[in-house]
């Protein structure tokens, strides 16, 4: 087999664009995949790219519930209890 044929076969093909993918948005896993979060619709939020970046910059790999708990603790520490 020639080298050119083997290269063609081994080259990665682009996956077809997902029909529900929204341009300018990222999938955010409410329970991160690194913490065994699934990619099912109940665990996915579609966020604008910049908002998704900011989420991870602020909250890292925290779940939604952990982020809320953190914000509640900050609110209480600031004396803003309602």
N, C-alpha and C. Protein backbone atom coordinates (compact mmCIF):
# COMPACT_ATOMS: atom_id res chain seq x y z
N UNK A 1 0.85 -1.18 0.00
CA UNK A 1 0.00 0.00 0.00
C UNK A 1 0.89 1.24 0.00
N UNK A 2 0.56 2.21 -0.79
CA UNK A 2 1.38 3.41 -0.87
C UNK A 2 1.14 4.30 0.35
N UNK A 3 2.09 5.17 0.63
CA UNK A 3 1.98 6.06 1.78
C UNK A 3 0.79 7.01 1.65
N UNK A 4 0.51 7.47 0.45
CA UNK A 4 -0.59 8.42 0.28
C UNK A 4 -1.93 7.78 0.62
N UNK A 5 -2.12 6.50 0.27
CA UNK A 5 -3.38 5.83 0.61
C UNK A 5 -3.50 5.63 2.11
N UNK A 6 -2.40 5.24 2.77
CA UNK A 6 -2.47 5.02 4.22
C UNK A 6 -2.72 6.32 4.96
N UNK A 7 -2.18 7.42 4.47
CA UNK A 7 -2.44 8.71 5.11
C UNK A 7 -3.90 9.10 4.99
N UNK A 8 -4.48 8.86 3.83
CA UNK A 8 -5.88 9.21 3.64
C UNK A 8 -6.78 8.43 4.59
N UNK A 9 -6.48 7.18 4.78
CA UNK A 9 -7.31 6.35 5.65
C UNK A 9 -7.14 6.71 7.11
N UNK A 10 -5.94 7.10 7.51
CA UNK A 10 -5.68 7.37 8.91
C UNK A 10 -6.01 8.81 9.31
N UNK A 11 -6.23 9.67 8.32
CA UNK A 11 -6.51 11.06 8.67
C UNK A 11 -7.87 11.15 9.38
N UNK A 12 -7.90 12.01 10.37
CA UNK A 12 -9.14 12.16 11.14
C UNK A 12 -10.15 12.92 10.31
N UNK A 13 -11.35 12.45 10.35
CA UNK A 13 -12.44 13.14 9.66
C UNK A 13 -13.16 14.01 10.66
N UNK A 14 -13.60 15.15 10.19
CA UNK A 14 -14.37 16.03 11.06
C UNK A 14 -15.72 15.40 11.35
N UNK A 15 -16.13 15.51 12.60
CA UNK A 15 -17.45 15.02 12.95
C UNK A 15 -18.49 15.96 12.36
N UNK A 16 -19.61 15.43 11.93
CA UNK A 16 -20.64 16.32 11.41
C UNK A 16 -21.16 17.23 12.51
N UNK A 17 -21.49 18.44 12.17
CA UNK A 17 -21.99 19.41 13.13
C UNK A 17 -23.29 18.90 13.74
N UNK A 18 -23.38 18.97 15.04
CA UNK A 18 -24.58 18.51 15.75
C UNK A 18 -25.73 19.45 15.39
N UNK A 19 -26.88 18.89 15.01
CA UNK A 19 -27.99 19.75 14.56
C UNK A 19 -28.51 20.69 15.64
N UNK A 20 -28.37 20.33 16.93
CA UNK A 20 -28.89 21.19 17.99
C UNK A 20 -27.83 22.15 18.53
N UNK A 21 -26.60 22.06 18.04
CA UNK A 21 -25.53 22.92 18.53
C UNK A 21 -25.84 24.36 18.16
N UNK A 22 -25.66 25.23 19.10
CA UNK A 22 -25.95 26.64 18.87
C UNK A 22 -24.65 27.40 18.68
N UNK A 23 -24.60 28.16 17.63
CA UNK A 23 -23.39 28.93 17.33
C UNK A 23 -23.10 29.91 18.46
N UNK A 24 -21.84 30.01 18.85
CA UNK A 24 -21.43 30.96 19.88
C UNK A 24 -21.75 30.51 21.29
N UNK A 25 -22.07 29.24 21.46
CA UNK A 25 -22.40 28.72 22.79
C UNK A 25 -21.60 27.45 23.07
N UNK A 26 -21.42 27.18 24.36
CA UNK A 26 -20.74 25.97 24.81
C UNK A 26 -21.68 25.16 25.68
N UNK A 27 -21.43 23.86 25.70
CA UNK A 27 -22.14 22.99 26.64
C UNK A 27 -21.46 23.11 27.99
N UNK A 28 -22.23 23.44 29.00
CA UNK A 28 -21.71 23.47 30.37
C UNK A 28 -22.35 22.31 31.12
N UNK A 29 -21.53 21.46 31.69
CA UNK A 29 -22.03 20.33 32.47
C UNK A 29 -22.26 20.79 33.90
N UNK A 30 -23.50 20.73 34.37
CA UNK A 30 -23.80 21.17 35.73
C UNK A 30 -23.05 20.33 36.76
N UNK A 31 -22.95 19.03 36.54
CA UNK A 31 -22.01 18.18 37.26
C UNK A 31 -20.90 17.89 36.27
N UNK A 32 -19.69 18.38 36.54
CA UNK A 32 -18.61 18.25 35.56
C UNK A 32 -18.34 16.81 35.14
N UNK A 33 -17.95 16.64 33.89
CA UNK A 33 -17.60 15.31 33.39
C UNK A 33 -16.46 14.71 34.21
N UNK A 34 -15.56 15.56 34.69
CA UNK A 34 -14.44 15.07 35.49
C UNK A 34 -14.90 14.50 36.84
N UNK A 35 -16.16 14.79 37.19
CA UNK A 35 -16.73 14.27 38.43
C UNK A 35 -17.89 13.34 38.11
N UNK A 36 -17.76 12.65 37.01
CA UNK A 36 -18.72 11.65 36.53
C UNK A 36 -20.06 12.24 36.09
N UNK A 37 -20.07 13.50 35.71
CA UNK A 37 -21.27 14.10 35.15
C UNK A 37 -21.53 13.54 33.76
N UNK A 38 -22.76 13.31 33.46
CA UNK A 38 -23.15 12.75 32.17
C UNK A 38 -23.40 13.86 31.16
N UNK A 39 -23.47 13.48 29.91
CA UNK A 39 -23.76 14.45 28.84
C UNK A 39 -25.21 14.38 28.41
N UNK A 40 -26.09 14.06 29.34
CA UNK A 40 -27.51 14.02 29.00
C UNK A 40 -28.12 15.41 29.18
N UNK A 41 -29.24 15.66 28.54
CA UNK A 41 -29.84 17.01 28.55
C UNK A 41 -30.11 17.57 29.95
N UNK A 42 -30.40 16.72 30.92
CA UNK A 42 -30.69 17.23 32.26
C UNK A 42 -29.44 17.75 32.97
N UNK A 43 -28.26 17.46 32.45
CA UNK A 43 -27.01 17.91 33.06
C UNK A 43 -26.31 18.97 32.23
N UNK A 44 -26.92 19.43 31.15
CA UNK A 44 -26.28 20.37 30.23
C UNK A 44 -27.00 21.72 30.24
N UNK A 45 -26.21 22.77 30.30
CA UNK A 45 -26.70 24.13 30.06
C UNK A 45 -25.95 24.67 28.86
N UNK A 46 -26.62 25.31 27.96
CA UNK A 46 -25.95 25.96 26.84
C UNK A 46 -25.67 27.40 27.26
N UNK A 47 -24.39 27.74 27.36
CA UNK A 47 -23.99 29.07 27.79
C UNK A 47 -23.21 29.77 26.67
N UNK A 48 -23.38 31.08 26.61
CA UNK A 48 -22.54 31.84 25.68
C UNK A 48 -21.10 31.60 26.08
N UNK A 49 -20.22 31.59 25.09
CA UNK A 49 -18.82 31.23 25.30
C UNK A 49 -18.18 32.05 26.41
N UNK A 50 -18.37 33.35 26.40
CA UNK A 50 -17.75 34.22 27.41
C UNK A 50 -18.31 33.93 28.81
N UNK A 51 -19.62 33.69 28.91
CA UNK A 51 -20.20 33.36 30.21
C UNK A 51 -19.69 32.02 30.72
N UNK A 52 -19.51 31.07 29.82
CA UNK A 52 -18.98 29.76 30.20
C UNK A 52 -17.55 29.90 30.72
N UNK A 53 -16.75 30.70 30.04
CA UNK A 53 -15.38 30.94 30.49
C UNK A 53 -15.38 31.59 31.87
N UNK A 54 -16.25 32.57 32.06
CA UNK A 54 -16.33 33.26 33.36
C UNK A 54 -16.77 32.32 34.47
N UNK A 55 -17.73 31.44 34.18
CA UNK A 55 -18.19 30.48 35.19
C UNK A 55 -17.00 29.70 35.74
N UNK A 56 -16.19 29.14 34.83
CA UNK A 56 -15.07 28.31 35.26
C UNK A 56 -13.95 29.14 35.90
N UNK A 57 -13.84 30.39 35.50
CA UNK A 57 -12.85 31.26 36.12
C UNK A 57 -13.25 31.55 37.57
N UNK A 58 -14.53 31.72 37.82
CA UNK A 58 -15.02 32.05 39.17
C UNK A 58 -15.22 30.80 40.02
N UNK A 59 -15.89 29.78 39.46
CA UNK A 59 -16.32 28.63 40.25
C UNK A 59 -15.52 27.35 39.99
N UNK A 60 -14.62 27.37 39.02
CA UNK A 60 -13.83 26.17 38.73
C UNK A 60 -14.73 25.01 38.32
N UNK A 61 -14.53 23.87 38.96
CA UNK A 61 -15.31 22.67 38.61
C UNK A 61 -16.41 22.39 39.63
N UNK A 62 -16.87 23.43 40.31
CA UNK A 62 -17.97 23.24 41.26
C UNK A 62 -19.26 22.94 40.51
N UNK A 63 -20.12 22.16 41.17
CA UNK A 63 -21.45 21.92 40.62
C UNK A 63 -22.30 23.18 40.85
N UNK A 64 -23.45 23.23 40.22
CA UNK A 64 -24.38 24.35 40.42
C UNK A 64 -24.70 24.49 41.91
N UNK A 65 -24.99 23.37 42.55
CA UNK A 65 -25.36 23.38 43.97
C UNK A 65 -24.21 23.90 44.84
N UNK A 66 -22.99 23.50 44.52
CA UNK A 66 -21.82 23.97 45.27
C UNK A 66 -21.58 25.46 45.06
N UNK A 67 -21.82 25.95 43.84
CA UNK A 67 -21.66 27.38 43.56
C UNK A 67 -22.70 28.19 44.34
N UNK A 68 -23.93 27.70 44.39
CA UNK A 68 -24.99 28.38 45.15
C UNK A 68 -24.62 28.41 46.63
N UNK A 69 -24.15 27.27 47.14
CA UNK A 69 -23.75 27.19 48.55
C UNK A 69 -22.62 28.19 48.85
N UNK A 70 -21.66 28.29 47.96
CA UNK A 70 -20.57 29.24 48.14
C UNK A 70 -21.10 30.67 48.17
N UNK A 71 -21.97 31.01 47.25
CA UNK A 71 -22.54 32.36 47.20
C UNK A 71 -23.35 32.66 48.45
N UNK A 72 -24.08 31.67 48.96
CA UNK A 72 -24.84 31.85 50.21
C UNK A 72 -23.91 32.14 51.37
N UNK A 73 -22.80 31.41 51.45
CA UNK A 73 -21.83 31.64 52.53
C UNK A 73 -21.23 33.04 52.44
N UNK A 74 -20.95 33.50 51.23
CA UNK A 74 -20.41 34.85 51.04
C UNK A 74 -21.43 35.88 51.47
N UNK A 75 -22.68 35.67 51.07
CA UNK A 75 -23.76 36.61 51.44
C UNK A 75 -23.90 36.69 52.95
N UNK A 76 -23.87 35.55 53.64
CA UNK A 76 -23.98 35.53 55.09
C UNK A 76 -22.78 36.21 55.75
N UNK A 77 -21.59 35.99 55.20
CA UNK A 77 -20.39 36.60 55.76
C UNK A 77 -20.43 38.12 55.62
N UNK A 78 -21.10 38.60 54.59
CA UNK A 78 -21.22 40.04 54.37
C UNK A 78 -22.39 40.64 55.16
N UNK A 79 -23.11 39.81 55.89
CA UNK A 79 -24.22 40.30 56.70
C UNK A 79 -25.45 40.69 55.90
N UNK A 80 -25.63 40.06 54.80
CA UNK A 80 -26.79 40.37 53.94
C UNK A 80 -27.86 39.31 54.05
N UNK A 81 -28.10 38.81 55.24
CA UNK A 81 -29.15 37.80 55.43
C UNK A 81 -30.51 38.45 55.27
N UNK A 82 -31.41 37.73 54.69
CA UNK A 82 -32.75 38.29 54.49
C UNK A 82 -33.75 37.61 55.37
